[in-house]
Amino acid sequence: MQPAPDFEFFYLDKILPLLGKIKQLRQQMKNWEWGCALALIFTLANFLTCQGNTGNETSGWLAGFGAIIFAFCISRYAYHRDKYLGEFKSTCIKEVLDFLLPGVIYKPDSFIPSKEYRRSGLFRRRYDAFEGEDYIQGVYKDVKFHCSEISASFNKANNVDHSIFEGLFFVASISPVFQSATYLWPSGEEQVSSIAHEHYRYYAIPEVKQIITGNKTFDQYYSVYSSSKDEASYLLGGDLMPLLVKYRRQIKMPVSLSFVTGKCYVAIPLEKSLFEPNKKDPGDKETIKEYFFSGLLILSIINQLHLSRLT
């Protein structure tokens, strides 16, 4: 489904009526944000006055009082921010997703379980932090799927977080007859080093061997490893290799995917979140239109890779 022909009507009919409450909640959040700023300035000013005038009890007392007010403002700001974002996503984003995929399940605060991320084998580096948002579940062209944004990172000895993956993580059910494990990593990013390698500390996957496809164009983008040569040949047969090349060129992102015991996993790194409100105007029409294309990105995985043929 393409949004362009119906977008203007959709925006006026579905989105515009929701914006009054959303903008009111945003203003409440901004009011408390200003309150935080004023309380901080008040606290710092009195603290510096107290430091410059030893024994100035009044300034010290006012600085302490300001700190209490600042903490209170922070808590109220966090409350109103969560309320604003919750209302925005449960109304505007849900309307967009319902338009593209009627009956879709959308949980803004949920995300793909970490066990599915590990089972995919797409990112084997052990993580220290795993989080996400915007869980979506549905059925499209007879393919059952669920997906979300996720972020996985590890912490080095210098206490600096290093990202492993941040983006859209997609899981689709395919036929249970596919019981092997086949991995398509971006060329140059193969993750087949020994599990004992101290630098990587990889999660385990089944024993795999590299599959030589003989397709030079495809091999520029992907390296294939599988526990079953026959099953990998079937999965890569037909139009899948040229479709993957085309898809990779279209989205201009290093797509990773795997087929593991009846599931297809796809990971697409993203430079920004899919469904966050415009910072200046939550009703910005162009931003709302971007949400359509974010939703279409999810459906395009099923469309462009012809996953329905594997169900």
C-alpha atoms as a PDB file:
ATOM      1  CA  MET A   1       0.000   0.000   0.000  1.00  0.00           C
ATOM      2  CA  GLN A   2       1.402   3.376  -0.941  1.00  0.00           C
ATOM      3  CA  PRO A   3       0.571   6.324   1.343  1.00  0.00           C
ATOM      4  CA  ALA A   4       0.925   9.224  -1.076  1.00  0.00           C
ATOM      5  CA  PRO A   5      -2.558   9.208  -2.726  1.00  0.00           C
ATOM      6  CA  ASP A   6      -4.416   9.029   0.602  1.00  0.00           C
ATOM      7  CA  PHE A   7      -2.037  10.895   2.890  1.00  0.00           C
ATOM      8  CA  GLU A   8      -3.709  14.317   2.788  1.00  0.00           C
ATOM      9  CA  PHE A   9      -7.112  12.870   3.641  1.00  0.00           C
ATOM     10  CA  PHE A  10      -5.569  10.596   6.279  1.00  0.00           C
ATOM     11  CA  TYR A  11      -3.779  13.508   7.943  1.00  0.00           C
ATOM     12  CA  LEU A  12      -6.904  15.696   8.057  1.00  0.00           C
ATOM     13  CA  ASP A  13      -9.264  12.899   9.079  1.00  0.00           C
ATOM     14  CA  LYS A  14      -7.156  10.854  11.497  1.00  0.00           C
ATOM     15  CA  ILE A  15      -4.170  12.840  12.725  1.00  0.00           C
ATOM     16  CA  LEU A  16      -5.393  16.439  12.983  1.00  0.00           C
ATOM     17  CA  PRO A  17      -8.155  15.648  15.548  1.00  0.00           C
ATOM     18  CA  LEU A  18      -5.538  14.072  17.837  1.00  0.00           C
ATOM     19  CA  LEU A  19      -3.113  16.979  17.863  1.00  0.00           C
ATOM     20  CA  GLY A  20      -4.981  19.231  20.308  1.00  0.00           C
ATOM     21  CA  LYS A  21      -4.461  16.929  23.297  1.00  0.00           C
ATOM     22  CA  ILE A  22      -0.954  15.982  22.183  1.00  0.00           C
ATOM     23  CA  LYS A  23       0.166  19.609  21.900  1.00  0.00           C
ATOM     24  CA  GLN A  24      -1.370  20.356  25.293  1.00  0.00           C
ATOM     25  CA  LEU A  25       0.622  17.527  26.864  1.00  0.00           C
ATOM     26  CA  ARG A  26       3.759  18.710  25.099  1.00  0.00           C
ATOM     27  CA  GLN A  27       3.276  22.229  26.480  1.00  0.00           C
ATOM     28  CA  GLN A  28       2.920  20.817  30.003  1.00  0.00           C
ATOM     29  CA  MET A  29       6.185  18.954  29.501  1.00  0.00           C
ATOM     30  CA  LYS A  30       7.899  22.120  28.210  1.00  0.00           C
ATOM     31  CA  ASN A  31       6.606  24.111  31.200  1.00  0.00           C
ATOM     32  CA  TRP A  32       8.285  21.696  33.593  1.00  0.00           C
ATOM     33  CA  GLU A  33      11.420  21.766  31.438  1.00  0.00           C
ATOM     34  CA  TRP A  34      11.558  25.534  31.955  1.00  0.00           C
ATOM     35  CA  GLY A  35      10.899  24.958  35.645  1.00  0.00           C
ATOM     36  CA  CYS A  36      13.940  22.668  35.811  1.00  0.00           C
ATOM     37  CA  ALA A  37      16.104  25.311  34.144  1.00  0.00           C
ATOM     38  CA  LEU A  38      14.953  28.108  36.501  1.00  0.00           C
ATOM     39  CA  ALA A  39      15.341  25.948  39.598  1.00  0.00           C
ATOM     40  CA  LEU A  40      18.864  24.977  38.527  1.00  0.00           C
ATOM     41  CA  ILE A  41      19.850  28.608  37.931  1.00  0.00           C
ATOM     42  CA  PHE A  42      18.407  29.599  41.315  1.00  0.00           C
ATOM     43  CA  THR A  43      20.271  26.795  43.071  1.00  0.00           C
ATOM     44  CA  LEU A  44      23.605  27.507  41.407  1.00  0.00           C
ATOM     45  CA  ALA A  45      23.336  31.242  41.997  1.00  0.00           C
ATOM     46  CA  ASN A  46      22.761  30.791  45.721  1.00  0.00           C
ATOM     47  CA  PHE A  47      25.415  28.094  45.982  1.00  0.00           C
ATOM     48  CA  LEU A  48      28.018  30.378  44.384  1.00  0.00           C
ATOM     49  CA  THR A  49      26.927  33.245  46.633  1.00  0.00           C
ATOM     50  CA  CYS A  50      27.327  31.001  49.650  1.00  0.00           C
ATOM     51  CA  GLN A  51      30.785  29.906  48.488  1.00  0.00           C
ATOM     52  CA  GLY A  52      31.866  33.505  47.944  1.00  0.00           C
ATOM     53  CA  ASN A  53      30.562  34.659  51.313  1.00  0.00           C
ATOM     54  CA  THR A  54      31.686  32.231  53.980  1.00  0.00           C
ATOM     55  CA  GLY A  55      29.093  31.869  56.627  1.00  0.00           C
ATOM     56  CA  ASN A  56      26.208  33.210  54.559  1.00  0.00           C
ATOM     57  CA  GLU A  57      23.565  30.900  55.986  1.00  0.00           C
ATOM     58  CA  THR A  58      20.701  32.417  54.012  1.00  0.00           C
ATOM     59  CA  SER A  59      22.335  31.648  50.654  1.00  0.00           C
ATOM     60  CA  GLY A  60      23.188  28.138  51.810  1.00  0.00           C
ATOM     61  CA  TRP A  61      19.618  27.555  52.913  1.00  0.00           C
ATOM     62  CA  LEU A  62      18.255  28.910  49.638  1.00  0.00           C
ATOM     63  CA  ALA A  63      20.655  26.702  47.654  1.00  0.00           C
ATOM     64  CA  GLY A  64      19.385  23.643  49.536  1.00  0.00           C
ATOM     65  CA  PHE A  65      15.787  24.690  49.001  1.00  0.00           C
ATOM     66  CA  GLY A  66      16.521  25.230  45.293  1.00  0.00           C
ATOM     67  CA  ALA A  67      18.014  21.746  45.010  1.00  0.00           C
ATOM     68  CA  ILE A  68      14.793  20.270  46.413  1.00  0.00           C
ATOM     69  CA  ILE A  69      12.711  22.277  43.959  1.00  0.00           C
ATOM     70  CA  PHE A  70      15.016  21.218  41.110  1.00  0.00           C
ATOM     71  CA  ALA A  71      14.618  17.528  42.009  1.00  0.00           C
ATOM     72  CA  PHE A  72      10.843  17.974  42.155  1.00  0.00           C
ATOM     73  CA  CYS A  73      10.804  19.683  38.740  1.00  0.00           C
ATOM     74  CA  ILE A  74      12.918  16.886  37.250  1.00  0.00           C
ATOM     75  CA  SER A  75      10.449  14.262  38.479  1.00  0.00           C
ATOM     76  CA  ARG A  76       7.464  16.205  37.116  1.00  0.00           C
ATOM     77  CA  TYR A  77       9.215  16.794  33.804  1.00  0.00           C
ATOM     78  CA  ALA A  78       9.926  13.047  33.461  1.00  0.00           C
ATOM     79  CA  TYR A  79       6.296  12.241  34.294  1.00  0.00           C
ATOM     80  CA  HIS A  80       4.890  14.677  31.722  1.00  0.00           C
ATOM     81  CA  ARG A  81       7.453  13.644  29.077  1.00  0.00           C
ATOM     82  CA  ASP A  82       6.417   9.993  29.423  1.00  0.00           C
ATOM     83  CA  LYS A  83       2.747  10.982  29.336  1.00  0.00           C
ATOM     84  CA  TYR A  84       3.281  13.068  26.193  1.00  0.00           C
ATOM     85  CA  LEU A  85       5.274  10.395  24.365  1.00  0.00           C
ATOM     86  CA  GLY A  86       2.838   7.690  25.426  1.00  0.00           C
ATOM     87  CA  GLU A  87      -0.146   9.641  24.107  1.00  0.00           C
ATOM     88  CA  PHE A  88       1.651  10.504  20.867  1.00  0.00           C
ATOM     89  CA  LYS A  89       2.633   6.928  20.108  1.00  0.00           C
ATOM     90  CA  SER A  90      -0.600   5.275  21.243  1.00  0.00           C
ATOM     91  CA  THR A  91      -2.647   7.603  18.999  1.00  0.00           C
ATOM     92  CA  CYS A  92      -0.697   9.066  16.051  1.00  0.00           C
ATOM     93  CA  ILE A  93       1.716   6.199  15.468  1.00  0.00           C
ATOM     94  CA  LYS A  94      -1.000   3.608  16.057  1.00  0.00           C
ATOM     95  CA  GLU A  95      -3.200   5.338  13.459  1.00  0.00           C
ATOM     96  CA  VAL A  96      -0.369   5.217  10.901  1.00  0.00           C
ATOM     97  CA  LEU A  97       0.312   1.529  11.548  1.00  0.00           C
ATOM     98  CA  ASP A  98      -3.402   0.658  11.459  1.00  0.00           C
ATOM     99  CA  PHE A  99      -3.671   2.399   8.103  1.00  0.00           C
ATOM    100  CA  LEU A 100      -0.822   0.339   6.661  1.00  0.00           C
ATOM    101  CA  LEU A 101      -1.646  -2.924   8.409  1.00  0.00           C
ATOM    102  CA  PRO A 102      -5.150  -3.171   9.946  1.00  0.00           C
ATOM    103  CA  GLY A 103      -5.222  -5.188  13.162  1.00  0.00           C
ATOM    104  CA  VAL A 104      -1.545  -4.680  13.952  1.00  0.00           C
ATOM    105  CA  ILE A 105      -0.425  -4.990  17.578  1.00  0.00           C
ATOM    106  CA  TYR A 106       1.695  -2.035  18.670  1.00  0.00           C
ATOM    107  CA  LYS A 107       3.419  -1.756  22.070  1.00  0.00           C
ATOM    108  CA  PRO A 108       5.537   1.427  22.247  1.00  0.00           C
ATOM    109  CA  ASP A 109       7.416   0.418  25.399  1.00  0.00           C
ATOM    110  CA  SER A 110       8.132  -3.211  24.457  1.00  0.00           C
ATOM    111  CA  PHE A 111      10.780  -4.751  22.213  1.00  0.00           C
ATOM    112  CA  ILE A 112      12.125  -7.998  20.783  1.00  0.00           C
ATOM    113  CA  PRO A 113      13.304 -10.390  23.533  1.00  0.00           C
ATOM    114  CA  SER A 114      17.066 -10.693  23.823  1.00  0.00           C
ATOM    115  CA  LYS A 115      16.863 -14.476  23.350  1.00  0.00           C
ATOM    116  CA  GLU A 116      15.590 -13.954  19.783  1.00  0.00           C
ATOM    117  CA  TYR A 117      18.406 -11.523  19.097  1.00  0.00           C
ATOM    118  CA  ARG A 118      20.935 -14.142  20.293  1.00  0.00           C
ATOM    119  CA  ARG A 119      19.212 -16.982  18.458  1.00  0.00           C
ATOM    120  CA  SER A 120      19.489 -15.108  15.165  1.00  0.00           C
ATOM    121  CA  GLY A 121      23.282 -15.318  15.243  1.00  0.00           C
ATOM    122  CA  LEU A 122      23.497 -12.038  13.364  1.00  0.00           C
ATOM    123  CA  PHE A 123      25.443 -10.258  16.105  1.00  0.00           C
ATOM    124  CA  ARG A 124      27.429 -12.732  18.162  1.00  0.00           C
ATOM    125  CA  ARG A 125      29.423 -10.296  20.264  1.00  0.00           C
ATOM    126  CA  ARG A 126      28.284 -10.613  23.894  1.00  0.00           C
ATOM    127  CA  TYR A 127      26.466  -7.488  24.994  1.00  0.00           C
ATOM    128  CA  ASP A 128      26.368  -5.701  28.350  1.00  0.00           C
ATOM    129  CA  ALA A 129      23.274  -3.605  27.613  1.00  0.00           C
ATOM    130  CA  PHE A 130      20.193  -4.552  25.583  1.00  0.00           C
ATOM    131  CA  GLU A 131      17.150  -2.310  25.207  1.00  0.00           C
ATOM    132  CA  GLY A 132      14.560  -1.207  22.674  1.00  0.00           C
ATOM    133  CA  GLU A 133      11.099   0.166  21.951  1.00  0.00           C
ATOM    134  CA  ASP A 134       8.239   0.217  19.427  1.00  0.00           C
ATOM    135  CA  TYR A 135       7.276  -3.463  19.286  1.00  0.00           C
ATOM    136  CA  ILE A 136       5.060  -4.309  16.288  1.00  0.00           C
ATOM    137  CA  GLN A 137       3.351  -7.639  15.620  1.00  0.00           C
ATOM    138  CA  GLY A 138       1.129  -8.625  12.731  1.00  0.00           C
ATOM    139  CA  VAL A 139       0.408 -10.779   9.706  1.00  0.00           C
ATOM    140  CA  TYR A 140       1.128  -9.547   6.201  1.00  0.00           C
ATOM    141  CA  LYS A 141       0.672 -11.642   3.048  1.00  0.00           C
ATOM    142  CA  ASP A 142       0.245 -14.709   5.280  1.00  0.00           C
ATOM    143  CA  VAL A 143       3.600 -14.082   6.953  1.00  0.00           C
ATOM    144  CA  LYS A 144       3.509 -13.796  10.742  1.00  0.00           C
ATOM    145  CA  PHE A 145       6.079 -11.314  11.969  1.00  0.00           C
ATOM    146  CA  HIS A 146       7.121  -9.119  14.831  1.00  0.00           C
ATOM    147  CA  CYS A 147       9.794  -6.460  15.069  1.00  0.00           C
ATOM    148  CA  SER A 148      11.073  -3.532  17.075  1.00  0.00           C
ATOM    149  CA  GLU A 149      13.902  -1.107  17.413  1.00  0.00           C
ATOM    150  CA  ILE A 150      16.696  -2.507  19.548  1.00  0.00           C
ATOM    151  CA  SER A 151      20.068  -1.352  20.784  1.00  0.00           C
ATOM    152  CA  ALA A 152      22.837  -3.679  21.954  1.00  0.00           C
ATOM    153  CA  SER A 153      26.187  -2.497  23.284  1.00  0.00           C
ATOM    154  CA  PHE A 154      29.169  -3.703  25.276  1.00  0.00           C
ATOM    155  CA  ASN A 155      31.287  -1.952  27.854  1.00  0.00           C
ATOM    156  CA  LYS A 156      35.074  -1.895  27.647  1.00  0.00           C
ATOM    157  CA  ALA A 157      37.509  -1.547  30.531  1.00  0.00           C
ATOM    158  CA  ASN A 158      37.565   2.235  30.030  1.00  0.00           C
ATOM    159  CA  ASN A 159      33.852   2.276  30.936  1.00  0.00           C
ATOM    160  CA  VAL A 160      32.847   3.510  27.475  1.00  0.00           C
ATOM    161  CA  ASP A 161      29.860   1.921  25.720  1.00  0.00           C
ATOM    162  CA  HIS A 162      30.479   0.555  22.230  1.00  0.00           C
ATOM    163  CA  SER A 163      27.500  -0.120  19.983  1.00  0.00           C
ATOM    164  CA  ILE A 164      27.055  -3.602  18.507  1.00  0.00           C
ATOM    165  CA  PHE A 165      23.787  -2.917  16.741  1.00  0.00           C
ATOM    166  CA  GLU A 166      21.169  -0.168  16.779  1.00  0.00           C
ATOM    167  CA  GLY A 167      18.222  -0.300  14.439  1.00  0.00           C
ATOM    168  CA  LEU A 168      15.250  -2.347  13.256  1.00  0.00           C
ATOM    169  CA  PHE A 169      15.226  -6.037  14.199  1.00  0.00           C
ATOM    170  CA  PHE A 170      12.652  -8.146  12.363  1.00  0.00           C
ATOM    171  CA  VAL A 171      11.518 -11.751  12.941  1.00  0.00           C
ATOM    172  CA  ALA A 172       9.220 -13.726  10.608  1.00  0.00           C
ATOM    173  CA  SER A 173       7.928 -17.275  10.877  1.00  0.00           C
ATOM    174  CA  ILE A 174       8.725 -19.454   7.879  1.00  0.00           C
ATOM    175  CA  SER A 175       8.054 -23.127   7.234  1.00  0.00           C
ATOM    176  CA  PRO A 176       9.296 -25.442  10.020  1.00  0.00           C
ATOM    177  CA  VAL A 177      10.807 -27.692   7.341  1.00  0.00           C
ATOM    178  CA  PHE A 178      13.787 -25.298   7.376  1.00  0.00           C
ATOM    179  CA  GLN A 179      15.658 -26.667  10.351  1.00  0.00           C
ATOM    180  CA  SER A 180      19.242 -25.703   9.575  1.00  0.00           C
ATOM    181  CA  ALA A 181      21.002 -22.383  10.184  1.00  0.00           C
ATOM    182  CA  THR A 182      21.990 -20.112   7.306  1.00  0.00           C
ATOM    183  CA  TYR A 183      23.585 -16.706   7.884  1.00  0.00           C
ATOM    184  CA  LEU A 184      23.986 -13.848   5.420  1.00  0.00           C
ATOM    185  CA  TRP A 185      26.386 -11.325   6.902  1.00  0.00           C
ATOM    186  CA  PRO A 186      27.508  -8.176   5.091  1.00  0.00           C
ATOM    187  CA  SER A 187      30.765  -8.862   3.248  1.00  0.00           C
ATOM    188  CA  GLY A 188      33.691  -8.090   5.516  1.00  0.00           C
ATOM    189  CA  GLU A 189      31.570  -8.429   8.673  1.00  0.00           C
ATOM    190  CA  GLU A 190      31.491 -12.226   8.929  1.00  0.00           C
ATOM    191  CA  GLN A 191      31.205 -13.483  12.505  1.00  0.00           C
ATOM    192  CA  VAL A 192      32.726 -16.924  12.377  1.00  0.00           C
ATOM    193  CA  SER A 193      35.756 -16.504  14.640  1.00  0.00           C
ATOM    194  CA  SER A 194      36.339 -18.990  17.429  1.00  0.00           C
ATOM    195  CA  ILE A 195      34.045 -18.645  20.426  1.00  0.00           C
ATOM    196  CA  ALA A 196      37.181 -18.715  22.584  1.00  0.00           C
ATOM    197  CA  HIS A 197      38.570 -15.577  20.931  1.00  0.00           C
ATOM    198  CA  GLU A 198      39.016 -13.128  23.815  1.00  0.00           C
ATOM    199  CA  HIS A 199      38.457 -10.015  21.710  1.00  0.00           C
ATOM    200  CA  TYR A 200      35.022 -11.062  20.471  1.00  0.00           C
ATOM    201  CA  ARG A 201      33.607 -13.452  23.092  1.00  0.00           C
ATOM    202  CA  TYR A 202      30.982 -14.672  20.606  1.00  0.00           C
ATOM    203  CA  TYR A 203      27.730 -16.441  21.402  1.00  0.00           C
ATOM    204  CA  ALA A 204      27.693 -19.973  20.008  1.00  0.00           C
ATOM    205  CA  ILE A 205      26.032 -20.942  16.723  1.00  0.00           C
ATOM    206  CA  PRO A 206      25.826 -24.312  14.930  1.00  0.00           C
ATOM    207  CA  GLU A 207      28.905 -25.427  13.018  1.00  0.00           C
ATOM    208  CA  VAL A 208      28.787 -23.734   9.622  1.00  0.00           C
ATOM    209  CA  LYS A 209      30.748 -23.654   6.404  1.00  0.00           C
ATOM    210  CA  GLN A 210      31.015 -20.914   3.832  1.00  0.00           C
ATOM    211  CA  ILE A 211      28.748 -21.251   0.807  1.00  0.00           C
ATOM    212  CA  ILE A 212      30.263 -20.145  -2.498  1.00  0.00           C
ATOM    213  CA  THR A 213      27.414 -18.663  -4.511  1.00  0.00           C
ATOM    214  CA  GLY A 214      29.262 -17.947  -7.768  1.00  0.00           C
ATOM    215  CA  ASN A 215      27.344 -14.670  -8.037  1.00  0.00           C
ATOM    216  CA  LYS A 216      29.969 -11.903  -8.080  1.00  0.00           C
ATOM    217  CA  THR A 217      27.459  -9.078  -7.652  1.00  0.00           C
ATOM    218  CA  PHE A 218      25.832 -10.786  -4.684  1.00  0.00           C
ATOM    219  CA  ASP A 219      29.203 -11.574  -3.112  1.00  0.00           C
ATOM    220  CA  GLN A 220      30.044  -7.857  -3.106  1.00  0.00           C
ATOM    221  CA  TYR A 221      27.354  -7.390  -0.479  1.00  0.00           C
ATOM    222  CA  TYR A 222      27.000 -10.706   1.379  1.00  0.00           C
ATOM    223  CA  SER A 223      28.966 -13.621   2.774  1.00  0.00           C
ATOM    224  CA  VAL A 224      26.939 -16.802   3.274  1.00  0.00           C
ATOM    225  CA  TYR A 225      27.581 -19.480   5.887  1.00  0.00           C
ATOM    226  CA  SER A 226      25.319 -22.441   6.607  1.00  0.00           C
ATOM    227  CA  SER A 227      25.050 -25.689   8.516  1.00  0.00           C
ATOM    228  CA  SER A 228      23.352 -27.254   5.467  1.00  0.00           C
ATOM    229  CA  LYS A 229      24.581 -26.667   1.932  1.00  0.00           C
ATOM    230  CA  ASP A 230      21.395 -28.113   0.405  1.00  0.00           C
ATOM    231  CA  GLU A 231      19.076 -25.945   2.469  1.00  0.00           C
ATOM    232  CA  ALA A 232      21.176 -22.846   1.837  1.00  0.00           C
ATOM    233  CA  SER A 233      21.088 -23.538  -1.900  1.00  0.00           C
ATOM    234  CA  TYR A 234      17.303 -23.772  -1.769  1.00  0.00           C
ATOM    235  CA  LEU A 235      16.940 -20.562   0.267  1.00  0.00           C
ATOM    236  CA  LEU A 236      19.248 -18.658  -2.070  1.00  0.00           C
ATOM    237  CA  GLY A 237      17.648 -20.111  -5.167  1.00  0.00           C
ATOM    238  CA  GLY A 238      15.079 -18.453  -7.349  1.00  0.00           C
ATOM    239  CA  ASP A 239      15.177 -14.675  -7.149  1.00  0.00           C
ATOM    240  CA  LEU A 240      16.474 -14.243  -3.598  1.00  0.00           C
ATOM    241  CA  MET A 241      20.049 -13.228  -4.452  1.00  0.00           C
ATOM    242  CA  PRO A 242      19.117 -10.535  -7.015  1.00  0.00           C
ATOM    243  CA  LEU A 243      16.302  -9.383  -4.714  1.00  0.00           C
ATOM    244  CA  LEU A 244      18.739  -8.981  -1.827  1.00  0.00           C
ATOM    245  CA  VAL A 245      21.121  -7.015  -4.019  1.00  0.00           C
ATOM    246  CA  LYS A 246      18.280  -4.773  -5.182  1.00  0.00           C
ATOM    247  CA  TYR A 247      16.985  -4.310  -1.645  1.00  0.00           C
ATOM    248  CA  ARG A 248      20.442  -3.512  -0.310  1.00  0.00           C
ATOM    249  CA  ARG A 249      20.888  -0.832  -2.971  1.00  0.00           C
ATOM    250  CA  GLN A 250      17.425   0.618  -2.347  1.00  0.00           C
ATOM    251  CA  ILE A 251      17.717   1.161   1.404  1.00  0.00           C
ATOM    252  CA  LYS A 252      21.476   1.904   1.291  1.00  0.00           C
ATOM    253  CA  MET A 253      22.056   0.081   4.567  1.00  0.00           C
ATOM    254  CA  PRO A 254      24.089  -3.081   5.336  1.00  0.00           C
ATOM    255  CA  VAL A 255      21.259  -5.588   5.789  1.00  0.00           C
ATOM    256  CA  SER A 256      22.001  -8.765   7.762  1.00  0.00           C
ATOM    257  CA  LEU A 257      19.719 -11.788   7.737  1.00  0.00           C
ATOM    258  CA  SER A 258      19.581 -15.382   8.835  1.00  0.00           C
ATOM    259  CA  PHE A 259      17.302 -18.396   8.564  1.00  0.00           C
ATOM    260  CA  VAL A 260      17.406 -20.421  11.772  1.00  0.00           C
ATOM    261  CA  THR A 261      15.058 -23.328  12.592  1.00  0.00           C
ATOM    262  CA  GLY A 262      11.862 -21.981  11.063  1.00  0.00           C
ATOM    263  CA  LYS A 263      12.537 -18.278  11.576  1.00  0.00           C
ATOM    264  CA  CYS A 264      13.851 -15.525   9.347  1.00  0.00           C
ATOM    265  CA  TYR A 265      15.735 -12.749  11.097  1.00  0.00           C
ATOM    266  CA  VAL A 266      16.553  -9.409   9.463  1.00  0.00           C
ATOM    267  CA  ALA A 267      18.547  -6.550  10.980  1.00  0.00           C
ATOM    268  CA  ILE A 268      18.714  -3.072   9.431  1.00  0.00           C
ATOM    269  CA  PRO A 269      20.829  -0.399  11.161  1.00  0.00           C
ATOM    270  CA  LEU A 270      19.159   3.000  11.475  1.00  0.00           C
ATOM    271  CA  GLU A 271      20.587   6.468  11.923  1.00  0.00           C
ATOM    272  CA  LYS A 272      17.524   7.726  13.819  1.00  0.00           C
ATOM    273  CA  SER A 273      14.505   6.321  15.610  1.00  0.00           C
ATOM    274  CA  LEU A 274      11.505   5.253  13.550  1.00  0.00           C
ATOM    275  CA  PHE A 275       8.647   6.835  15.473  1.00  0.00           C
ATOM    276  CA  GLU A 276       9.875   9.740  17.599  1.00  0.00           C
ATOM    277  CA  PRO A 277       7.866  13.022  17.469  1.00  0.00           C
ATOM    278  CA  ASN A 278       9.210  16.118  15.781  1.00  0.00           C
ATOM    279  CA  LYS A 279      11.005  18.147  18.473  1.00  0.00           C
ATOM    280  CA  LYS A 280       9.392  21.438  17.450  1.00  0.00           C
ATOM    281  CA  ASP A 281       5.958  20.316  16.266  1.00  0.00           C
ATOM    282  CA  PRO A 282       4.522  16.812  16.909  1.00  0.00           C
ATOM    283  CA  GLY A 283       1.958  17.449  14.164  1.00  0.00           C
ATOM    284  CA  ASP A 284       4.508  18.338  11.489  1.00  0.00           C
ATOM    285  CA  LYS A 285       3.025  16.934   8.290  1.00  0.00           C
ATOM    286  CA  GLU A 286       6.329  15.921   6.715  1.00  0.00           C
ATOM    287  CA  THR A 287       7.379  14.063   9.861  1.00  0.00           C
ATOM    288  CA  ILE A 288       4.034  12.234   9.956  1.00  0.00           C
ATOM    289  CA  LYS A 289       4.648  11.244   6.349  1.00  0.00           C
ATOM    290  CA  GLU A 290       8.033   9.828   7.365  1.00  0.00           C
ATOM    291  CA  TYR A 291       6.245   7.475   9.750  1.00  0.00           C
ATOM    292  CA  PHE A 292       4.478   5.999   6.743  1.00  0.00           C
ATOM    293  CA  PHE A 293       7.775   5.218   5.096  1.00  0.00           C
ATOM    294  CA  SER A 294       9.071   3.737   8.354  1.00  0.00           C
ATOM    295  CA  GLY A 295       6.054   1.415   8.366  1.00  0.00           C
ATOM    296  CA  LEU A 296       6.576   0.615   4.711  1.00  0.00           C
ATOM    297  CA  LEU A 297      10.206  -0.267   5.476  1.00  0.00           C
ATOM    298  CA  ILE A 298       8.920  -3.033   7.738  1.00  0.00           C
ATOM    299  CA  LEU A 299       6.468  -4.357   5.154  1.00  0.00           C
ATOM    300  CA  SER A 300       9.108  -4.083   2.427  1.00  0.00           C
ATOM    301  CA  ILE A 301      11.127  -6.829   4.120  1.00  0.00           C
ATOM    302  CA  ILE A 302       8.301  -9.260   3.383  1.00  0.00           C
ATOM    303  CA  ASN A 303       7.567  -7.759  -0.027  1.00  0.00           C
ATOM    304  CA  GLN A 304      11.072  -7.391  -1.390  1.00  0.00           C
ATOM    305  CA  LEU A 305      12.414 -10.697  -0.073  1.00  0.00           C
ATOM    306  CA  HIS A 306       9.285 -12.645  -1.074  1.00  0.00           C
ATOM    307  CA  LEU A 307       9.134 -14.279   2.350  1.00  0.00           C
ATOM    308  CA  SER A 308       5.624 -15.605   1.660  1.00  0.00           C
ATOM    309  CA  ARG A 309       7.213 -18.260  -0.578  1.00  0.00           C
ATOM    310  CA  LEU A 310       8.948 -19.748   2.479  1.00  0.00           C
ATOM    311  CA  THR A 311       5.854 -20.078   4.712  1.00  0.00           C
END
